[in-house]
Structures are given as C-alpha cells and as structure tokens.
PDB file of N, CA and C in Angstrom:
ATOM      1  N   MET A   1       0.844  -1.185   0.000  1.00  0.00           N
ATOM      2  CA  MET A   1       0.000   0.000   0.000  1.00  0.00           C
ATOM      3  C   MET A   1       0.881   1.237   0.000  1.00  0.00           C
ATOM      4  N   VAL A   2       0.431   2.285  -0.651  1.00  0.00           N
ATOM      5  CA  VAL A   2       1.159   3.546  -0.708  1.00  0.00           C
ATOM      6  C   VAL A   2       0.925   4.295   0.592  1.00  0.00           C
ATOM      7  N   ARG A   3       2.019   4.789   1.191  1.00  0.00           N
ATOM      8  CA  ARG A   3       1.854   5.592   2.402  1.00  0.00           C
ATOM      9  C   ARG A   3       1.171   6.899   2.042  1.00  0.00           C
ATOM     10  N   GLU A   4       0.317   7.395   2.918  1.00  0.00           N
ATOM     11  CA  GLU A   4      -0.489   8.578   2.625  1.00  0.00           C
ATOM     12  C   GLU A   4       0.359   9.782   2.230  1.00  0.00           C
ATOM     13  N   GLU A   5       1.482  10.002   2.905  1.00  0.00           N
ATOM     14  CA  GLU A   5       2.323  11.162   2.590  1.00  0.00           C
ATOM     15  C   GLU A   5       3.064  11.021   1.258  1.00  0.00           C
ATOM     16  N   LYS A   6       3.119   9.819   0.711  1.00  0.00           N
ATOM     17  CA  LYS A   6       3.784   9.568  -0.575  1.00  0.00           C
ATOM     18  C   LYS A   6       2.785   9.312  -1.707  1.00  0.00           C
ATOM     19  N   ALA A   7       1.502   9.403  -1.421  1.00  0.00           N
ATOM     20  CA  ALA A   7       0.468   9.061  -2.402  1.00  0.00           C
ATOM     21  C   ALA A   7       0.419  10.111  -3.510  1.00  0.00           C
ATOM     22  N   PRO A   8       0.560   9.689  -4.755  1.00  0.00           N
ATOM     23  CA  PRO A   8       0.478  10.642  -5.870  1.00  0.00           C
ATOM     24  C   PRO A   8      -0.971  11.059  -6.126  1.00  0.00           C
ATOM     25  N   PHE A   9      -1.137  12.243  -6.696  1.00  0.00           N
ATOM     26  CA  PHE A   9      -2.473  12.678  -7.099  1.00  0.00           C
ATOM     27  C   PHE A   9      -2.841  12.010  -8.416  1.00  0.00           C
ATOM     28  N   THR A  10      -4.107  11.745  -8.566  1.00  0.00           N
ATOM     29  CA  THR A  10      -4.630  11.151  -9.787  1.00  0.00           C
ATOM     30  C   THR A  10      -5.962  11.817 -10.114  1.00  0.00           C
ATOM     31  N   ASN A  11      -6.390  11.670 -11.337  1.00  0.00           N
ATOM     32  CA  ASN A  11      -7.653  12.242 -11.798  1.00  0.00           C
ATOM     33  C   ASN A  11      -8.539  11.104 -12.262  1.00  0.00           C
ATOM     34  N   ARG A  12      -9.798  11.204 -11.928  1.00  0.00           N
ATOM     35  CA  ARG A  12     -10.721  10.120 -12.277  1.00  0.00           C
ATOM     36  C   ARG A  12     -11.900  10.677 -13.061  1.00  0.00           C
ATOM     37  N   ILE A  13     -12.555   9.793 -13.801  1.00  0.00           N
ATOM     38  CA  ILE A  13     -13.832  10.109 -14.441  1.00  0.00           C
ATOM     39  C   ILE A  13     -14.569   8.789 -14.644  1.00  0.00           C
ATOM     40  N   HIS A  14     -15.846   8.811 -14.384  1.00  0.00           N
ATOM     41  CA  HIS A  14     -16.674   7.617 -14.567  1.00  0.00           C
ATOM     42  C   HIS A  14     -16.808   7.340 -16.057  1.00  0.00           C
ATOM     43  N   ILE A  15     -16.897   6.093 -16.435  1.00  0.00           N
ATOM     44  CA  ILE A  15     -16.970   5.706 -17.843  1.00  0.00           C
ATOM     45  C   ILE A  15     -18.166   6.351 -18.542  1.00  0.00           C
ATOM     46  N   HIS A  16     -19.298   6.487 -17.870  1.00  0.00           N
ATOM     47  CA  HIS A  16     -20.466   7.131 -18.484  1.00  0.00           C
ATOM     48  C   HIS A  16     -20.183   8.594 -18.790  1.00  0.00           C
ATOM     49  N   ASP A  17     -19.486   9.272 -17.889  1.00  0.00           N
ATOM     50  CA  ASP A  17     -19.122  10.666 -18.121  1.00  0.00           C
ATOM     51  C   ASP A  17     -18.075  10.785 -19.222  1.00  0.00           C
ATOM     52  N   LEU A  18     -17.148   9.857 -19.279  1.00  0.00           N
ATOM     53  CA  LEU A  18     -16.135   9.861 -20.334  1.00  0.00           C
ATOM     54  C   LEU A  18     -16.788   9.733 -21.706  1.00  0.00           C
ATOM     55  N   VAL A  19     -17.736   8.837 -21.824  1.00  0.00           N
ATOM     56  CA  VAL A  19     -18.452   8.661 -23.096  1.00  0.00           C
ATOM     57  C   VAL A  19     -19.200   9.946 -23.458  1.00  0.00           C
ATOM     58  N   ALA A  20     -19.858  10.582 -22.488  1.00  0.00           N
ATOM     59  CA  ALA A  20     -20.578  11.831 -22.745  1.00  0.00           C
ATOM     60  C   ALA A  20     -19.626  12.922 -23.232  1.00  0.00           C
ATOM     61  N   VAL A  21     -18.434  13.001 -22.637  1.00  0.00           N
ATOM     62  CA  VAL A  21     -17.437  13.996 -23.056  1.00  0.00           C
ATOM     63  C   VAL A  21     -16.968  13.706 -24.479  1.00  0.00           C
ATOM     64  N   CYS A  22     -16.712  12.452 -24.795  1.00  0.00           N
ATOM     65  CA  CYS A  22     -16.267  12.089 -26.150  1.00  0.00           C
ATOM     66  C   CYS A  22     -17.316  12.445 -27.195  1.00  0.00           C
ATOM     67  N   ILE A  23     -18.579  12.165 -26.903  1.00  0.00           N
ATOM     68  CA  ILE A  23     -19.661  12.499 -27.839  1.00  0.00           C
ATOM     69  C   ILE A  23     -19.770  14.016 -27.992  1.00  0.00           C
ATOM     70  N   ALA A  24     -19.723  14.745 -26.875  1.00  0.00           N
ATOM     71  CA  ALA A  24     -19.803  16.207 -26.935  1.00  0.00           C
ATOM     72  C   ALA A  24     -18.637  16.784 -27.723  1.00  0.00           C
ATOM     73  N   ALA A  25     -17.439  16.219 -27.555  1.00  0.00           N
ATOM     74  CA  ALA A  25     -16.263  16.710 -28.291  1.00  0.00           C
ATOM     75  C   ALA A  25     -16.433  16.476 -29.788  1.00  0.00           C
ATOM     76  N   MET A  26     -17.000  15.339 -30.169  1.00  0.00           N
ATOM     77  CA  MET A  26     -17.229  15.062 -31.601  1.00  0.00           C
ATOM     78  C   MET A  26     -18.285  15.996 -32.182  1.00  0.00           C
ATOM     79  N   GLU A  27     -19.317  16.304 -31.390  1.00  0.00           N
ATOM     80  CA  GLU A  27     -20.420  17.117 -31.891  1.00  0.00           C
ATOM     81  C   GLU A  27     -20.159  18.623 -31.790  1.00  0.00           C
ATOM     82  N   GLN A  28     -19.467  19.047 -30.716  1.00  0.00           N
ATOM     83  CA  GLN A  28     -19.338  20.475 -30.437  1.00  0.00           C
ATOM     84  C   GLN A  28     -17.902  20.986 -30.410  1.00  0.00           C
ATOM     85  N   GLY A  29     -16.947  20.084 -30.250  1.00  0.00           N
ATOM     86  CA  GLY A  29     -15.556  20.507 -30.117  1.00  0.00           C
ATOM     87  C   GLY A  29     -15.010  21.098 -31.408  1.00  0.00           C
ATOM     88  N   LYS A  30     -14.075  22.025 -31.238  1.00  0.00           N
ATOM     89  CA  LYS A  30     -13.425  22.626 -32.400  1.00  0.00           C
ATOM     90  C   LYS A  30     -12.307  21.713 -32.871  1.00  0.00           C
ATOM     91  N   SER A  31     -12.115  21.654 -34.171  1.00  0.00           N
ATOM     92  CA  SER A  31     -11.076  20.804 -34.746  1.00  0.00           C
ATOM     93  C   SER A  31      -9.708  21.136 -34.156  1.00  0.00           C
ATOM     94  N   GLY A  32      -9.012  20.108 -33.710  1.00  0.00           N
ATOM     95  CA  GLY A  32      -7.662  20.271 -33.178  1.00  0.00           C
ATOM     96  C   GLY A  32      -7.577  20.650 -31.715  1.00  0.00           C
ATOM     97  N   GLU A  33      -8.705  20.887 -31.046  1.00  0.00           N
ATOM     98  CA  GLU A  33      -8.686  21.255 -29.630  1.00  0.00           C
ATOM     99  C   GLU A  33      -8.402  20.030 -28.759  1.00  0.00           C
ATOM    100  N   LEU A  34      -7.738  20.275 -27.651  1.00  0.00           N
ATOM    101  CA  LEU A  34      -7.454  19.234 -26.661  1.00  0.00           C
ATOM    102  C   LEU A  34      -8.187  19.577 -25.369  1.00  0.00           C
ATOM    103  N   TYR A  35      -8.669  18.557 -24.683  1.00  0.00           N
ATOM    104  CA  TYR A  35      -9.399  18.762 -23.440  1.00  0.00           C
ATOM    105  C   TYR A  35      -8.835  17.854 -22.355  1.00  0.00           C
ATOM    106  N   ASN A  36      -8.646  18.421 -21.164  1.00  0.00           N
ATOM    107  CA  ASN A  36      -8.331  17.608 -19.995  1.00  0.00           C
ATOM    108  C   ASN A  36      -9.643  16.994 -19.535  1.00  0.00           C
ATOM    109  N   VAL A  37      -9.714  15.676 -19.540  1.00  0.00           N
ATOM    110  CA  VAL A  37     -10.951  14.990 -19.186  1.00  0.00           C
ATOM    111  C   VAL A  37     -10.788  14.361 -17.810  1.00  0.00           C
ATOM    112  N   SER A  38     -11.563  14.865 -16.864  1.00  0.00           N
ATOM    113  CA  SER A  38     -11.567  14.326 -15.503  1.00  0.00           C
ATOM    114  C   SER A  38     -12.812  14.844 -14.805  1.00  0.00           C
ATOM    115  N   ASN A  39     -13.055  14.351 -13.610  1.00  0.00           N
ATOM    116  CA  ASN A  39     -14.201  14.862 -12.859  1.00  0.00           C
ATOM    117  C   ASN A  39     -13.878  16.188 -12.178  1.00  0.00           C
ATOM    118  N   GLY A  40     -12.635  16.648 -12.307  1.00  0.00           N
ATOM    119  CA  GLY A  40     -12.254  17.942 -11.749  1.00  0.00           C
ATOM    120  C   GLY A  40     -11.921  17.920 -10.277  1.00  0.00           C
ATOM    121  N   ARG A  41     -11.830  16.736  -9.705  1.00  0.00           N
ATOM    122  CA  ARG A  41     -11.516  16.604  -8.277  1.00  0.00           C
ATOM    123  C   ARG A  41     -10.339  15.653  -8.088  1.00  0.00           C
ATOM    124  N   PRO A  42      -9.126  16.146  -8.361  1.00  0.00           N
ATOM    125  CA  PRO A  42      -7.966  15.279  -8.166  1.00  0.00           C
ATOM    126  C   PRO A  42      -7.888  14.813  -6.723  1.00  0.00           C
ATOM    127  N   SER A  43      -7.512  13.586  -6.552  1.00  0.00           N
ATOM    128  CA  SER A  43      -7.344  13.042  -5.204  1.00  0.00           C
ATOM    129  C   SER A  43      -6.174  12.081  -5.220  1.00  0.00           C
ATOM    130  N   THR A  44      -5.794  11.638  -4.062  1.00  0.00           N
ATOM    131  CA  THR A  44      -4.654  10.730  -3.978  1.00  0.00           C
ATOM    132  C   THR A  44      -5.087   9.307  -4.274  1.00  0.00           C
ATOM    133  N   MET A  45      -4.113   8.441  -4.368  1.00  0.00           N
ATOM    134  CA  MET A  45      -4.372   7.031  -4.649  1.00  0.00           C
ATOM    135  C   MET A  45      -4.837   6.265  -3.417  1.00  0.00           C
ATOM    136  N   ILE A  46      -4.966   6.950  -2.291  1.00  0.00           N
ATOM    137  CA  ILE A  46      -5.415   6.276  -1.079  1.00  0.00           C
ATOM    138  C   ILE A  46      -6.925   6.077  -1.168  1.00  0.00           C
ATOM    139  N   LEU A  47      -7.343   4.837  -1.221  1.00  0.00           N
ATOM    140  CA  LEU A  47      -8.751   4.482  -1.282  1.00  0.00           C
ATOM    141  C   LEU A  47      -9.070   3.521  -0.152  1.00  0.00           C
ATOM    142  N   PRO A  48     -10.306   3.517   0.298  1.00  0.00           N
ATOM    143  CA  PRO A  48     -10.665   2.534   1.318  1.00  0.00           C
ATOM    144  C   PRO A  48     -10.568   1.122   0.746  1.00  0.00           C
ATOM    145  N   ALA A  49     -10.211   0.188   1.575  1.00  0.00           N
ATOM    146  CA  ALA A  49     -10.131  -1.203   1.140  1.00  0.00           C
ATOM    147  C   ALA A  49     -11.534  -1.799   1.079  1.00  0.00           C
ATOM    148  N   PHE A  50     -11.787  -2.554   0.040  1.00  0.00           N
ATOM    149  CA  PHE A  50     -13.065  -3.237  -0.087  1.00  0.00           C
ATOM    150  C   PHE A  50     -12.835  -4.707   0.216  1.00  0.00           C
ATOM    151  N   PRO A  51     -13.722  -5.328   0.997  1.00  0.00           N
ATOM    152  CA  PRO A  51     -13.551  -6.741   1.335  1.00  0.00           C
ATOM    153  C   PRO A  51     -13.429  -7.598   0.074  1.00  0.00           C
ATOM    154  N   GLY A  52     -12.429  -8.448   0.051  1.00  0.00           N
ATOM    155  CA  GLY A  52     -12.236  -9.363  -1.058  1.00  0.00           C
ATOM    156  C   GLY A  52     -11.617  -8.745  -2.294  1.00  0.00           C
ATOM    157  N   HIS A  53     -11.235  -7.467  -2.243  1.00  0.00           N
ATOM    158  CA  HIS A  53     -10.633  -6.802  -3.402  1.00  0.00           C
ATOM    159  C   HIS A  53      -9.169  -6.510  -3.095  1.00  0.00           C
ATOM    160  N   PRO A  54      -8.249  -7.107  -3.868  1.00  0.00           N
ATOM    161  CA  PRO A  54      -6.824  -6.904  -3.586  1.00  0.00           C
ATOM    162  C   PRO A  54      -6.381  -5.497  -3.953  1.00  0.00           C
ATOM    163  N   ARG A  55      -5.351  -5.002  -3.268  1.00  0.00           N
ATOM    164  CA  ARG A  55      -4.737  -3.718  -3.612  1.00  0.00           C
ATOM    165  C   ARG A  55      -3.564  -3.994  -4.537  1.00  0.00           C
ATOM    166  N   PHE A  56      -3.420  -3.143  -5.521  1.00  0.00           N
ATOM    167  CA  PHE A  56      -2.314  -3.278  -6.456  1.00  0.00           C
ATOM    168  C   PHE A  56      -1.386  -2.095  -6.299  1.00  0.00           C
ATOM    169  N   PRO A  57      -0.084  -2.294  -6.459  1.00  0.00           N
ATOM    170  CA  PRO A  57       0.834  -1.156  -6.355  1.00  0.00           C
ATOM    171  C   PRO A  57       0.557  -0.150  -7.469  1.00  0.00           C
ATOM    172  N   SER A  58       0.719   1.130  -7.156  1.00  0.00           N
ATOM    173  CA  SER A  58       0.467   2.167  -8.154  1.00  0.00           C
ATOM    174  C   SER A  58       1.775   2.779  -8.632  1.00  0.00           C
ATOM    175  N   ARG A  59       1.684   3.439  -9.815  1.00  0.00           N
ATOM    176  CA  ARG A  59       2.825   4.180 -10.310  1.00  0.00           C
ATOM    177  C   ARG A  59       2.934   5.474  -9.519  1.00  0.00           C
ATOM    178  N   ARG A  60       4.065   6.155  -9.593  1.00  0.00           N
ATOM    179  CA  ARG A  60       4.307   7.350  -8.797  1.00  0.00           C
ATOM    180  C   ARG A  60       4.021   8.653  -9.526  1.00  0.00           C
ATOM    181  N   GLU A  61       3.466   8.619 -10.724  1.00  0.00           N
ATOM    182  CA  GLU A  61       3.156   9.843 -11.438  1.00  0.00           C
ATOM    183  C   GLU A  61       2.055  10.594 -10.689  1.00  0.00           C
ATOM    184  N   SER A  62       2.180  11.910 -10.611  1.00  0.00           N
ATOM    185  CA  SER A  62       1.211  12.699  -9.860  1.00  0.00           C
ATOM    186  C   SER A  62       0.782  13.903 -10.685  1.00  0.00           C
ATOM    187  N   ARG A  63      -0.534  14.038 -10.901  1.00  0.00           N
ATOM    188  CA  ARG A  63      -1.047  15.147 -11.705  1.00  0.00           C
ATOM    189  C   ARG A  63      -2.385  15.635 -11.158  1.00  0.00           C
ATOM    190  N   ARG A  64      -2.612  16.927 -11.369  1.00  0.00           N
ATOM    191  CA  ARG A  64      -3.896  17.532 -11.036  1.00  0.00           C
ATOM    192  C   ARG A  64      -4.376  18.268 -12.288  1.00  0.00           C
ATOM    193  N   LEU A  65      -5.410  17.759 -12.908  1.00  0.00           N
ATOM    194  CA  LEU A  65      -5.927  18.347 -14.147  1.00  0.00           C
ATOM    195  C   LEU A  65      -6.992  19.397 -13.856  1.00  0.00           C
ATOM    196  N   ASP A  66      -7.058  20.402 -14.722  1.00  0.00           N
ATOM    197  CA  ASP A  66      -8.110  21.416 -14.678  1.00  0.00           C
ATOM    198  C   ASP A  66      -9.090  21.101 -15.804  1.00  0.00           C
ATOM    199  N   ASN A  67     -10.341  20.827 -15.473  1.00  0.00           N
ATOM    200  CA  ASN A  67     -11.322  20.433 -16.485  1.00  0.00           C
ATOM    201  C   ASN A  67     -12.269  21.559 -16.881  1.00  0.00           C
ATOM    202  N   ARG A  68     -11.963  22.804 -16.525  1.00  0.00           N
ATOM    203  CA  ARG A  68     -12.868  23.921 -16.835  1.00  0.00           C
ATOM    204  C   ARG A  68     -13.120  24.078 -18.332  1.00  0.00           C
ATOM    205  N   LYS A  69     -12.096  23.923 -19.161  1.00  0.00           N
ATOM    206  CA  LYS A  69     -12.269  24.060 -20.610  1.00  0.00           C
ATOM    207  C   LYS A  69     -13.245  22.997 -21.117  1.00  0.00           C
ATOM    208  N   MET A  70     -13.106  21.779 -20.632  1.00  0.00           N
ATOM    209  CA  MET A  70     -14.015  20.700 -21.024  1.00  0.00           C
ATOM    210  C   MET A  70     -15.457  21.065 -20.668  1.00  0.00           C
ATOM    211  N   LEU A  71     -15.682  21.517 -19.446  1.00  0.00           N
ATOM    212  CA  LEU A  71     -17.023  21.856 -19.001  1.00  0.00           C
ATOM    213  C   LEU A  71     -17.577  23.065 -19.747  1.00  0.00           C
ATOM    214  N   ASP A  72     -16.760  24.101 -19.928  1.00  0.00           N
ATOM    215  CA  ASP A  72     -17.220  25.336 -20.577  1.00  0.00           C
ATOM    216  C   ASP A  72     -17.461  25.145 -22.071  1.00  0.00           C
ATOM    217  N   ASP A  73     -16.485  24.592 -22.778  1.00  0.00           N
ATOM    218  CA  ASP A  73     -16.587  24.468 -24.237  1.00  0.00           C
ATOM    219  C   ASP A  73     -17.601  23.419 -24.678  1.00  0.00           C
ATOM    220  N   LEU A  74     -17.703  22.340 -23.927  1.00  0.00           N
ATOM    221  CA  LEU A  74     -18.543  21.227 -24.357  1.00  0.00           C
ATOM    222  C   LEU A  74     -19.889  21.171 -23.645  1.00  0.00           C
ATOM    223  N   SER A  75     -20.081  22.039 -22.661  1.00  0.00           N
ATOM    224  CA  SER A  75     -21.344  22.098 -21.901  1.00  0.00           C
ATOM    225  C   SER A  75     -21.741  20.742 -21.330  1.00  0.00           C
ATOM    226  N   VAL A  76     -20.770  20.002 -20.869  1.00  0.00           N
ATOM    227  CA  VAL A  76     -21.019  18.680 -20.295  1.00  0.00           C
ATOM    228  C   VAL A  76     -21.386  18.828 -18.814  1.00  0.00           C
ATOM    229  N   VAL A  77     -22.419  18.109 -18.406  1.00  0.00           N
ATOM    230  CA  VAL A  77     -22.785  18.026 -16.992  1.00  0.00           C
ATOM    231  C   VAL A  77     -22.482  16.604 -16.561  1.00  0.00           C
ATOM    232  N   LEU A  78     -21.568  16.449 -15.633  1.00  0.00           N
ATOM    233  CA  LEU A  78     -21.141  15.117 -15.194  1.00  0.00           C
ATOM    234  C   LEU A  78     -22.214  14.456 -14.332  1.00  0.00           C
ATOM    235  N   ARG A  79     -22.546  13.219 -14.658  1.00  0.00           N
ATOM    236  CA  ARG A  79     -23.485  12.440 -13.842  1.00  0.00           C
ATOM    237  C   ARG A  79     -22.846  12.019 -12.531  1.00  0.00           C
ATOM    238  N   TYR A  80     -21.542  11.794 -12.574  1.00  0.00           N
ATOM    239  CA  TYR A  80     -20.794  11.324 -11.399  1.00  0.00           C
ATOM    240  C   TYR A  80     -19.633  12.291 -11.160  1.00  0.00           C
ATOM    241  N   PRO A  81     -19.893  13.426 -10.499  1.00  0.00           N
ATOM    242  CA  PRO A  81     -18.886  14.473 -10.371  1.00  0.00           C
ATOM    243  C   PRO A  81     -17.789  14.213  -9.338  1.00  0.00           C
ATOM    244  N   ASP A  82     -17.878  13.107  -8.618  1.00  0.00           N
ATOM    245  CA  ASP A  82     -16.844  12.816  -7.627  1.00  0.00           C
ATOM    246  C   ASP A  82     -16.757  11.305  -7.394  1.00  0.00           C
ATOM    247  N   LEU A  83     -15.717  10.905  -6.711  1.00  0.00           N
ATOM    248  CA  LEU A  83     -15.473   9.491  -6.452  1.00  0.00           C
ATOM    249  C   LEU A  83     -16.602   8.865  -5.637  1.00  0.00           C
ATOM    250  N   GLU A  84     -17.145   9.624  -4.705  1.00  0.00           N
ATOM    251  CA  GLU A  84     -18.181   9.081  -3.818  1.00  0.00           C
ATOM    252  C   GLU A  84     -19.448   8.683  -4.581  1.00  0.00           C
ATOM    253  N   THR A  85     -19.798   9.415  -5.625  1.00  0.00           N
ATOM    254  CA  THR A  85     -20.990   9.046  -6.390  1.00  0.00           C
ATOM    255  C   THR A  85     -20.678   8.041  -7.500  1.00  0.00           C
ATOM    256  N   GLY A  86     -19.475   8.084  -8.038  1.00  0.00           N
ATOM    257  CA  GLY A  86     -19.127   7.208  -9.150  1.00  0.00           C
ATOM    258  C   GLY A  86     -18.710   5.808  -8.751  1.00  0.00           C
ATOM    259  N   LEU A  87     -18.025   5.667  -7.632  1.00  0.00           N
ATOM    260  CA  LEU A  87     -17.495   4.357  -7.247  1.00  0.00           C
ATOM    261  C   LEU A  87     -18.572   3.316  -6.993  1.00  0.00           C
ATOM    262  N   PRO A  88     -19.617   3.610  -6.242  1.00  0.00           N
ATOM    263  CA  PRO A  88     -20.649   2.589  -6.019  1.00  0.00           C
ATOM    264  C   PRO A  88     -21.283   2.111  -7.341  1.00  0.00           C
ATOM    265  N   CYS A  89     -21.502   3.020  -8.282  1.00  0.00           N
ATOM    266  CA  CYS A  89     -22.092   2.632  -9.565  1.00  0.00           C
ATOM    267  C   CYS A  89     -21.124   1.764 -10.356  1.00  0.00           C
ATOM    268  N   SER A  90     -19.834   2.004 -10.234  1.00  0.00           N
ATOM    269  CA  SER A  90     -18.828   1.205 -10.954  1.00  0.00           C
ATOM    270  C   SER A  90     -18.774  -0.211 -10.399  1.00  0.00           C
ATOM    271  N   LEU A  91     -18.958  -0.374  -9.122  1.00  0.00           N
ATOM    272  CA  LEU A  91     -18.866  -1.687  -8.501  1.00  0.00           C
ATOM    273  C   LEU A  91     -20.081  -2.550  -8.821  1.00  0.00           C
ATOM    274  N   LEU A  92     -21.201  -1.919  -9.134  1.00  0.00           N
ATOM    275  CA  LEU A  92     -22.412  -2.667  -9.450  1.00  0.00           C
ATOM    276  C   LEU A  92     -22.474  -3.098 -10.902  1.00  0.00           C
ATOM    277  N   SER A  93     -21.662  -2.472 -11.735  1.00  0.00           N
ATOM    278  CA  SER A  93     -21.709  -2.776 -13.182  1.00  0.00           C
ATOM    279  C   SER A  93     -21.106  -4.107 -13.499  1.00  0.00           C
TER     280      SER A  93
END
C-alpha cells in the first residue's frame, strides 16, 4: 500500500461521463482542440479497502488536471462528479 504522505495525485472520471465527453467533443468541439478529461476533483491514490478486493501497487506519477475548458466548451454536466458518487455505480456494473 502507498503511504499517505507519498500518495500521488490522480484524476478520475466515470466511464459514463467519459463517453458523454467524447460524444460532446465530436459534436461540439473545435477541430484540433485538446481537453483535460476528468471529474475535476484530483485526489490521492489512497482508497478505502473493499472486502475481497486486492490492492495493487500504483505508479508514482502525480497530476492535477483542470477540467474547466471541457465543461465550458462542451457544456457537459457530469453524472458522477466525484469518487463518492461514481465508485458505487462502478462496482455494481
């Protein structure tokens, strides 16, 4: 497990939101534009342990993305704007 003080930042997005962003970019995005795609809430790799789910070692890359351009240009409203709402839905799929 990664120690909390050494935990790198990561960016997440639920698969349903990722698909919505991709569709919006195809329909509304300007040719050649790049978008940082994330839920806009960078957090560390420290997650609660789930019974019966093994922990895997993580890479040490650490990034905090700004998703304002994605939200403003593409008018996307995220269904799962944070880990707390997205994780339970991911586990049920």
